[in-house]
């Protein structure tokens, strides 16, 4: 999440600072990468269930811990996100 929010050229709110409380860091991973990152935990899946425009490759960026092996990871931002903290 912070890589997209702080360094990337895309706009991402990250309202809860990675506490799995808002859904504003919802991303679509490419299928190649979705199958390579660790599986989502129940807390993340619950938040995604409340999110808009969820796809099979949806993840919360705050829950995808980047490693050197993930160099080249591809993600896309949904057109719509809802801040579920409000």
PDB file of N, CA and C in Angstrom:
ATOM      1  N   UNK A   1       0.825  -1.176   0.000  1.00  0.00           N
ATOM      2  CA  UNK A   1       0.000   0.000   0.000  1.00  0.00           C
ATOM      3  C   UNK A   1       0.877   1.251   0.000  1.00  0.00           C
ATOM      4  N   UNK A   2       1.846   1.291   0.874  1.00  0.00           N
ATOM      5  CA  UNK A   2       2.677   2.494   0.960  1.00  0.00           C
ATOM      6  C   UNK A   2       3.500   2.699  -0.308  1.00  0.00           C
ATOM      7  N   UNK A   3       3.877   1.624  -0.978  1.00  0.00           N
ATOM      8  CA  UNK A   3       4.631   1.766  -2.226  1.00  0.00           C
ATOM      9  C   UNK A   3       3.777   2.454  -3.280  1.00  0.00           C
ATOM     10  N   UNK A   4       2.510   2.128  -3.332  1.00  0.00           N
ATOM     11  CA  UNK A   4       1.620   2.777  -4.297  1.00  0.00           C
ATOM     12  C   UNK A   4       1.291   4.188  -3.830  1.00  0.00           C
ATOM     13  N   UNK A   5       0.948   4.330  -2.574  1.00  0.00           N
ATOM     14  CA  UNK A   5       0.502   5.617  -2.033  1.00  0.00           C
ATOM     15  C   UNK A   5       1.628   6.651  -1.985  1.00  0.00           C
ATOM     16  N   UNK A   6       2.801   6.254  -1.534  1.00  0.00           N
ATOM     17  CA  UNK A   6       3.872   7.201  -1.278  1.00  0.00           C
ATOM     18  C   UNK A   6       4.877   7.348  -2.412  1.00  0.00           C
ATOM     19  N   UNK A   7       5.069   6.300  -3.185  1.00  0.00           N
ATOM     20  CA  UNK A   7       6.099   6.321  -4.214  1.00  0.00           C
ATOM     21  C   UNK A   7       5.512   6.272  -5.618  1.00  0.00           C
ATOM     22  N   UNK A   8       4.427   5.541  -5.776  1.00  0.00           N
ATOM     23  CA  UNK A   8       3.842   5.358  -7.094  1.00  0.00           C
ATOM     24  C   UNK A   8       3.212   6.623  -7.640  1.00  0.00           C
ATOM     25  N   UNK A   9       2.816   6.556  -8.880  1.00  0.00           N
ATOM     26  CA  UNK A   9       2.208   7.702  -9.546  1.00  0.00           C
ATOM     27  C   UNK A   9       0.686   7.606  -9.521  1.00  0.00           C
ATOM     28  N   UNK A  10       0.143   6.639  -8.786  1.00  0.00           N
ATOM     29  CA  UNK A  10      -1.293   6.445  -8.712  1.00  0.00           C
ATOM     30  C   UNK A  10      -1.825   7.000  -7.401  1.00  0.00           C
ATOM     31  N   UNK A  11      -3.065   7.354  -7.382  1.00  0.00           N
ATOM     32  CA  UNK A  11      -3.683   7.921  -6.184  1.00  0.00           C
ATOM     33  C   UNK A  11      -4.347   6.817  -5.367  1.00  0.00           C
ATOM     34  N   UNK A  12      -3.881   6.643  -4.139  1.00  0.00           N
ATOM     35  CA  UNK A  12      -4.466   5.672  -3.224  1.00  0.00           C
ATOM     36  C   UNK A  12      -4.557   6.316  -1.854  1.00  0.00           C
ATOM     37  N   UNK A  13      -5.733   6.209  -1.237  1.00  0.00           N
ATOM     38  CA  UNK A  13      -5.941   6.863   0.054  1.00  0.00           C
ATOM     39  C   UNK A  13      -5.253   6.140   1.204  1.00  0.00           C
ATOM     40  N   UNK A  14      -5.492   4.845   1.375  1.00  0.00           N
ATOM     41  CA  UNK A  14      -4.911   4.122   2.508  1.00  0.00           C
ATOM     42  C   UNK A  14      -5.354   4.719   3.827  1.00  0.00           C
ATOM     43  N   UNK A  15      -6.647   4.972   3.969  1.00  0.00           N
ATOM     44  CA  UNK A  15      -7.197   5.733   5.102  1.00  0.00           C
ATOM     45  C   UNK A  15      -6.886   5.143   6.469  1.00  0.00           C
ATOM     46  N   UNK A  16      -6.824   3.829   6.594  1.00  0.00           N
ATOM     47  CA  UNK A  16      -6.609   3.223   7.922  1.00  0.00           C
ATOM     48  C   UNK A  16      -5.138   2.892   8.175  1.00  0.00           C
ATOM     49  N   UNK A  17      -4.255   3.289   7.263  1.00  0.00           N
ATOM     50  CA  UNK A  17      -2.809   3.029   7.388  1.00  0.00           C
ATOM     51  C   UNK A  17      -2.474   1.552   7.547  1.00  0.00           C
ATOM     52  N   UNK A  18      -3.225   0.695   6.879  1.00  0.00           N
ATOM     53  CA  UNK A  18      -2.885  -0.722   6.850  1.00  0.00           C
ATOM     54  C   UNK A  18      -3.481  -1.571   7.951  1.00  0.00           C
ATOM     55  N   UNK A  19      -4.536  -1.100   8.577  1.00  0.00           N
ATOM     56  CA  UNK A  19      -5.172  -1.838   9.686  1.00  0.00           C
ATOM     57  C   UNK A  19      -6.342  -2.707   9.242  1.00  0.00           C
ATOM     58  N   UNK A  20      -6.545  -2.863   7.956  1.00  0.00           N
ATOM     59  CA  UNK A  20      -7.619  -3.683   7.374  1.00  0.00           C
ATOM     60  C   UNK A  20      -8.993  -3.196   7.857  1.00  0.00           C
ATOM     61  N   UNK A  21      -9.177  -1.878   7.873  1.00  0.00           N
ATOM     62  CA  UNK A  21     -10.427  -1.307   8.372  1.00  0.00           C
ATOM     63  C   UNK A  21     -11.187  -0.465   7.356  1.00  0.00           C
ATOM     64  N   UNK A  22     -10.592  -0.178   6.189  1.00  0.00           N
ATOM     65  CA  UNK A  22     -11.249   0.797   5.316  1.00  0.00           C
ATOM     66  C   UNK A  22     -11.523   0.311   3.895  1.00  0.00           C
ATOM     67  N   UNK A  23     -10.672  -0.493   3.314  1.00  0.00           N
ATOM     68  CA  UNK A  23     -10.853  -0.957   1.944  1.00  0.00           C
ATOM     69  C   UNK A  23     -10.366   0.012   0.887  1.00  0.00           C
ATOM     70  N   UNK A  24      -9.771   1.145   1.268  1.00  0.00           N
ATOM     71  CA  UNK A  24      -9.352   2.133   0.274  1.00  0.00           C
ATOM     72  C   UNK A  24      -8.058   1.754  -0.450  1.00  0.00           C
ATOM     73  N   UNK A  25      -7.439   0.661  -0.074  1.00  0.00           N
ATOM     74  CA  UNK A  25      -6.232   0.206  -0.778  1.00  0.00           C
ATOM     75  C   UNK A  25      -6.525  -1.036  -1.619  1.00  0.00           C
ATOM     76  N   UNK A  26      -7.783  -1.212  -1.973  1.00  0.00           N
ATOM     77  CA  UNK A  26      -8.208  -2.337  -2.813  1.00  0.00           C
ATOM     78  C   UNK A  26      -7.495  -2.264  -4.164  1.00  0.00           C
ATOM     79  N   UNK A  27      -6.884  -3.364  -4.570  1.00  0.00           N
ATOM     80  CA  UNK A  27      -6.228  -3.454  -5.876  1.00  0.00           C
ATOM     81  C   UNK A  27      -6.585  -4.773  -6.536  1.00  0.00           C
ATOM     82  N   UNK A  28      -6.388  -4.829  -7.836  1.00  0.00           N
ATOM     83  CA  UNK A  28      -6.472  -6.074  -8.588  1.00  0.00           C
ATOM     84  C   UNK A  28      -5.043  -6.465  -8.935  1.00  0.00           C
ATOM     85  N   UNK A  29      -4.611  -7.625  -8.481  1.00  0.00           N
ATOM     86  CA  UNK A  29      -3.303  -8.126  -8.886  1.00  0.00           C
ATOM     87  C   UNK A  29      -3.455  -8.837 -10.219  1.00  0.00           C
ATOM     88  N   UNK A  30      -2.406  -8.833 -11.023  1.00  0.00           N
ATOM     89  CA  UNK A  30      -2.451  -9.623 -12.248  1.00  0.00           C
ATOM     90  C   UNK A  30      -2.532 -11.094 -11.834  1.00  0.00           C
ATOM     91  N   UNK A  31      -3.123 -11.929 -12.658  1.00  0.00           N
ATOM     92  CA  UNK A  31      -3.274 -13.345 -12.313  1.00  0.00           C
ATOM     93  C   UNK A  31      -1.934 -13.995 -12.008  1.00  0.00           C
ATOM     94  N   UNK A  32      -0.915 -13.632 -12.758  1.00  0.00           N
ATOM     95  CA  UNK A  32       0.430 -14.172 -12.530  1.00  0.00           C
ATOM     96  C   UNK A  32       0.852 -13.935 -11.084  1.00  0.00           C
ATOM     97  N   UNK A  33       0.668 -12.732 -10.595  1.00  0.00           N
ATOM     98  CA  UNK A  33       1.111 -12.385  -9.248  1.00  0.00           C
ATOM     99  C   UNK A  33       0.136 -12.823  -8.168  1.00  0.00           C
ATOM    100  N   UNK A  34      -1.144 -12.823  -8.469  1.00  0.00           N
ATOM    101  CA  UNK A  34      -2.130 -13.229  -7.474  1.00  0.00           C
ATOM    102  C   UNK A  34      -1.816 -14.628  -6.940  1.00  0.00           C
ATOM    103  N   UNK A  35      -1.399 -15.507  -7.816  1.00  0.00           N
ATOM    104  CA  UNK A  35      -1.093 -16.881  -7.418  1.00  0.00           C
ATOM    105  C   UNK A  35       0.263 -17.039  -6.746  1.00  0.00           C
ATOM    106  N   UNK A  36       1.072 -15.989  -6.720  1.00  0.00           N
ATOM    107  CA  UNK A  36       2.404 -16.070  -6.124  1.00  0.00           C
ATOM    108  C   UNK A  36       2.499 -15.419  -4.744  1.00  0.00           C
ATOM    109  N   UNK A  37       1.567 -14.547  -4.422  1.00  0.00           N
ATOM    110  CA  UNK A  37       1.602 -13.894  -3.108  1.00  0.00           C
ATOM    111  C   UNK A  37       0.905 -14.779  -2.081  1.00  0.00           C
ATOM    112  N   UNK A  38       1.259 -14.645  -0.815  1.00  0.00           N
ATOM    113  CA  UNK A  38       0.572 -15.440   0.213  1.00  0.00           C
ATOM    114  C   UNK A  38      -0.938 -15.209   0.181  1.00  0.00           C
ATOM    115  N   UNK A  39      -1.684 -16.224   0.509  1.00  0.00           N
ATOM    116  CA  UNK A  39      -3.149 -16.158   0.501  1.00  0.00           C
ATOM    117  C   UNK A  39      -3.650 -15.111   1.498  1.00  0.00           C
ATOM    118  N   UNK A  40      -4.799 -14.530   1.184  1.00  0.00           N
ATOM    119  CA  UNK A  40      -5.422 -13.537   2.053  1.00  0.00           C
ATOM    120  C   UNK A  40      -5.952 -14.203   3.318  1.00  0.00           C
ATOM    121  N   UNK A  41      -5.820 -13.499   4.431  1.00  0.00           N
ATOM    122  CA  UNK A  41      -6.368 -13.975   5.704  1.00  0.00           C
ATOM    123  C   UNK A  41      -7.850 -13.614   5.773  1.00  0.00           C
ATOM    124  N   UNK A  42      -8.545 -14.240   6.691  1.00  0.00           N
ATOM    125  CA  UNK A  42      -9.993 -14.059   6.833  1.00  0.00           C
ATOM    126  C   UNK A  42     -10.382 -12.590   7.013  1.00  0.00           C
ATOM    127  N   UNK A  43      -9.622 -11.854   7.797  1.00  0.00           N
ATOM    128  CA  UNK A  43      -9.906 -10.438   8.048  1.00  0.00           C
ATOM    129  C   UNK A  43      -9.917  -9.639   6.738  1.00  0.00           C
ATOM    130  N   UNK A  44      -8.958  -9.919   5.869  1.00  0.00           N
ATOM    131  CA  UNK A  44      -8.890  -9.235   4.577  1.00  0.00           C
ATOM    132  C   UNK A  44     -10.054  -9.650   3.689  1.00  0.00           C
ATOM    133  N   UNK A  45     -10.359 -10.933   3.660  1.00  0.00           N
ATOM    134  CA  UNK A  45     -11.474 -11.416   2.844  1.00  0.00           C
ATOM    135  C   UNK A  45     -12.795 -10.802   3.294  1.00  0.00           C
ATOM    136  N   UNK A  46     -12.975 -10.645   4.594  1.00  0.00           N
ATOM    137  CA  UNK A  46     -14.188 -10.005   5.118  1.00  0.00           C
ATOM    138  C   UNK A  46     -14.301  -8.562   4.628  1.00  0.00           C
ATOM    139  N   UNK A  47     -13.200  -7.839   4.621  1.00  0.00           N
ATOM    140  CA  UNK A  47     -13.216  -6.454   4.146  1.00  0.00           C
ATOM    141  C   UNK A  47     -13.497  -6.411   2.644  1.00  0.00           C
ATOM    142  N   UNK A  48     -12.913  -7.320   1.900  1.00  0.00           N
ATOM    143  CA  UNK A  48     -13.164  -7.354   0.459  1.00  0.00           C
ATOM    144  C   UNK A  48     -14.625  -7.684   0.159  1.00  0.00           C
ATOM    145  N   UNK A  49     -15.256  -8.505   1.003  1.00  0.00           N
ATOM    146  CA  UNK A  49     -16.676  -8.818   0.817  1.00  0.00           C
ATOM    147  C   UNK A  49     -17.550  -7.572   0.879  1.00  0.00           C
ATOM    148  N   UNK A  50     -17.086  -6.537   1.566  1.00  0.00           N
ATOM    149  CA  UNK A  50     -17.839  -5.292   1.715  1.00  0.00           C
ATOM    150  C   UNK A  50     -17.452  -4.255   0.662  1.00  0.00           C
ATOM    151  N   UNK A  51     -16.436  -4.543  -0.128  1.00  0.00           N
ATOM    152  CA  UNK A  51     -15.906  -3.582  -1.094  1.00  0.00           C
ATOM    153  C   UNK A  51     -16.664  -3.612  -2.411  1.00  0.00           C
ATOM    154  N   UNK A  52     -16.494  -2.550  -3.179  1.00  0.00           N
ATOM    155  CA  UNK A  52     -17.095  -2.449  -4.504  1.00  0.00           C
ATOM    156  C   UNK A  52     -16.197  -3.084  -5.551  1.00  0.00           C
ATOM    157  N   UNK A  53     -16.800  -3.557  -6.629  1.00  0.00           N
ATOM    158  CA  UNK A  53     -16.066  -4.020  -7.815  1.00  0.00           C
ATOM    159  C   UNK A  53     -14.999  -5.071  -7.513  1.00  0.00           C
ATOM    160  N   UNK A  54     -15.313  -6.027  -6.663  1.00  0.00           N
ATOM    161  CA  UNK A  54     -14.362  -7.081  -6.302  1.00  0.00           C
ATOM    162  C   UNK A  54     -14.241  -8.079  -7.448  1.00  0.00           C
ATOM    163  N   UNK A  55     -13.011  -8.481  -7.722  1.00  0.00           N
ATOM    164  CA  UNK A  55     -12.721  -9.499  -8.738  1.00  0.00           C
ATOM    165  C   UNK A  55     -12.011 -10.669  -8.076  1.00  0.00           C
ATOM    166  N   UNK A  56     -11.809 -11.736  -8.821  1.00  0.00           N
ATOM    167  CA  UNK A  56     -11.119 -12.919  -8.298  1.00  0.00           C
ATOM    168  C   UNK A  56      -9.699 -12.606  -7.836  1.00  0.00           C
ATOM    169  N   UNK A  57      -9.088 -11.584  -8.407  1.00  0.00           N
ATOM    170  CA  UNK A  57      -7.698 -11.247  -8.063  1.00  0.00           C
ATOM    171  C   UNK A  57      -7.608 -10.026  -7.143  1.00  0.00           C
ATOM    172  N   UNK A  58      -8.713  -9.677  -6.485  1.00  0.00           N
ATOM    173  CA  UNK A  58      -8.722  -8.540  -5.568  1.00  0.00           C
ATOM    174  C   UNK A  58      -7.922  -8.838  -4.315  1.00  0.00           C
ATOM    175  N   UNK A  59      -7.200  -7.831  -3.857  1.00  0.00           N
ATOM    176  CA  UNK A  59      -6.483  -7.881  -2.578  1.00  0.00           C
ATOM    177  C   UNK A  59      -6.484  -6.486  -1.984  1.00  0.00           C
ATOM    178  N   UNK A  60      -6.227  -6.410  -0.696  1.00  0.00           N
ATOM    179  CA  UNK A  60      -5.967  -5.131  -0.064  1.00  0.00           C
ATOM    180  C   UNK A  60      -4.458  -4.951  -0.097  1.00  0.00           C
ATOM    181  N   UNK A  61      -4.004  -3.879  -0.720  1.00  0.00           N
ATOM    182  CA  UNK A  61      -2.566  -3.665  -0.890  1.00  0.00           C
ATOM    183  C   UNK A  61      -1.833  -3.620   0.439  1.00  0.00           C
ATOM    184  N   UNK A  62      -2.510  -3.187   1.491  1.00  0.00           N
ATOM    185  CA  UNK A  62      -1.854  -3.110   2.803  1.00  0.00           C
ATOM    186  C   UNK A  62      -1.520  -4.491   3.359  1.00  0.00           C
ATOM    187  N   UNK A  63      -2.116  -5.525   2.809  1.00  0.00           N
ATOM    188  CA  UNK A  63      -1.887  -6.875   3.309  1.00  0.00           C
ATOM    189  C   UNK A  63      -0.941  -7.692   2.430  1.00  0.00           C
ATOM    190  N   UNK A  64      -0.450  -7.091   1.359  1.00  0.00           N
ATOM    191  CA  UNK A  64       0.515  -7.756   0.476  1.00  0.00           C
ATOM    192  C   UNK A  64       1.893  -7.228   0.833  1.00  0.00           C
ATOM    193  N   UNK A  65       2.625  -7.997   1.606  1.00  0.00           N
ATOM    194  CA  UNK A  65       3.960  -7.592   2.029  1.00  0.00           C
ATOM    195  C   UNK A  65       4.939  -7.806   0.881  1.00  0.00           C
ATOM    196  N   UNK A  66       5.558  -6.732   0.450  1.00  0.00           N
ATOM    197  CA  UNK A  66       6.478  -6.811  -0.682  1.00  0.00           C
ATOM    198  C   UNK A  66       7.813  -7.425  -0.268  1.00  0.00           C
ATOM    199  N   UNK A  67       8.333  -8.262  -1.136  1.00  0.00           N
ATOM    200  CA  UNK A  67       9.658  -8.853  -0.953  1.00  0.00           C
ATOM    201  C   UNK A  67      10.451  -8.648  -2.246  1.00  0.00           C
ATOM    202  N   UNK A  68      11.736  -8.901  -2.199  1.00  0.00           N
ATOM    203  CA  UNK A  68      12.575  -8.768  -3.396  1.00  0.00           C
ATOM    204  C   UNK A  68      12.097  -9.694  -4.510  1.00  0.00           C
ATOM    205  N   UNK A  69      11.533 -10.836  -4.142  1.00  0.00           N
ATOM    206  CA  UNK A  69      11.051 -11.800  -5.132  1.00  0.00           C
ATOM    207  C   UNK A  69       9.837 -11.280  -5.899  1.00  0.00           C
ATOM    208  N   UNK A  70       9.219 -10.219  -5.411  1.00  0.00           N
ATOM    209  CA  UNK A  70       8.034  -9.661  -6.059  1.00  0.00           C
ATOM    210  C   UNK A  70       8.361  -8.512  -6.998  1.00  0.00           C
ATOM    211  N   UNK A  71       9.626  -8.335  -7.329  1.00  0.00           N
ATOM    212  CA  UNK A  71      10.020  -7.280  -8.254  1.00  0.00           C
ATOM    213  C   UNK A  71       9.246  -7.444  -9.557  1.00  0.00           C
ATOM    214  N   UNK A  72       8.558  -6.401  -9.973  1.00  0.00           N
ATOM    215  CA  UNK A  72       7.767  -6.452 -11.190  1.00  0.00           C
ATOM    216  C   UNK A  72       6.292  -6.746 -10.941  1.00  0.00           C
ATOM    217  N   UNK A  73       5.888  -6.823  -9.679  1.00  0.00           N
ATOM    218  CA  UNK A  73       4.494  -7.088  -9.343  1.00  0.00           C
ATOM    219  C   UNK A  73       3.584  -6.107 -10.071  1.00  0.00           C
ATOM    220  N   UNK A  74       2.501  -6.624 -10.615  1.00  0.00           N
ATOM    221  CA  UNK A  74       1.569  -5.796 -11.373  1.00  0.00           C
ATOM    222  C   UNK A  74       0.240  -5.727 -10.644  1.00  0.00           C
ATOM    223  N   UNK A  75      -0.256  -4.502 -10.454  1.00  0.00           N
ATOM    224  CA  UNK A  75      -1.545  -4.281  -9.799  1.00  0.00           C
ATOM    225  C   UNK A  75      -2.264  -3.141 -10.509  1.00  0.00           C
ATOM    226  N   UNK A  76      -3.578  -3.194 -10.432  1.00  0.00           N
ATOM    227  CA  UNK A  76      -4.423  -2.163 -11.038  1.00  0.00           C
ATOM    228  C   UNK A  76      -5.381  -1.665  -9.961  1.00  0.00           C
ATOM    229  N   UNK A  77      -5.659  -0.370  -9.973  1.00  0.00           N
ATOM    230  CA  UNK A  77      -6.611   0.201  -9.036  1.00  0.00           C
ATOM    231  C   UNK A  77      -8.023   0.096  -9.605  1.00  0.00           C
ATOM    232  N   UNK A  78      -8.991  -0.267  -8.774  1.00  0.00           N
ATOM    233  CA  UNK A  78     -10.377  -0.258  -9.235  1.00  0.00           C
ATOM    234  C   UNK A  78     -10.834   1.182  -9.528  1.00  0.00           C
ATOM    235  N   UNK A  79     -11.841   1.323 -10.335  1.00  0.00           N
ATOM    236  CA  UNK A  79     -12.371   2.664 -10.618  1.00  0.00           C
ATOM    237  C   UNK A  79     -13.065   3.245  -9.387  1.00  0.00           C
ATOM    238  N   UNK A  80     -13.667   2.360  -8.573  1.00  0.00           N
ATOM    239  CA  UNK A  80     -14.417   2.806  -7.402  1.00  0.00           C
ATOM    240  C   UNK A  80     -13.925   2.104  -6.149  1.00  0.00           C
ATOM    241  N   UNK A  81     -13.690   2.855  -5.105  1.00  0.00           N
ATOM    242  CA  UNK A  81     -13.409   2.301  -3.786  1.00  0.00           C
ATOM    243  C   UNK A  81     -14.275   3.032  -2.775  1.00  0.00           C
ATOM    244  N   UNK A  82     -14.617   2.358  -1.719  1.00  0.00           N
ATOM    245  CA  UNK A  82     -15.422   2.957  -0.657  1.00  0.00           C
ATOM    246  C   UNK A  82     -14.634   2.908   0.629  1.00  0.00           C
ATOM    247  N   UNK A  83     -14.616   4.027   1.343  1.00  0.00           N
ATOM    248  CA  UNK A  83     -13.974   4.056   2.645  1.00  0.00           C
ATOM    249  C   UNK A  83     -14.958   3.484   3.649  1.00  0.00           C
ATOM    250  N   UNK A  84     -14.722   2.264   4.097  1.00  0.00           N
ATOM    251  CA  UNK A  84     -15.642   1.579   4.993  1.00  0.00           C
ATOM    252  C   UNK A  84     -15.474   1.996   6.450  1.00  0.00           C
ATOM    253  N   UNK A  85     -14.584   2.933   6.731  1.00  0.00           N
ATOM    254  CA  UNK A  85     -14.425   3.452   8.090  1.00  0.00           C
ATOM    255  C   UNK A  85     -15.480   4.506   8.398  1.00  0.00           C
ATOM    256  N   UNK A  86     -16.112   5.024   7.387  1.00  0.00           N
ATOM    257  CA  UNK A  86     -17.074   6.118   7.573  1.00  0.00           C
ATOM    258  C   UNK A  86     -18.437   5.594   7.943  1.00  0.00           C
TER     259      UNK A  86
END
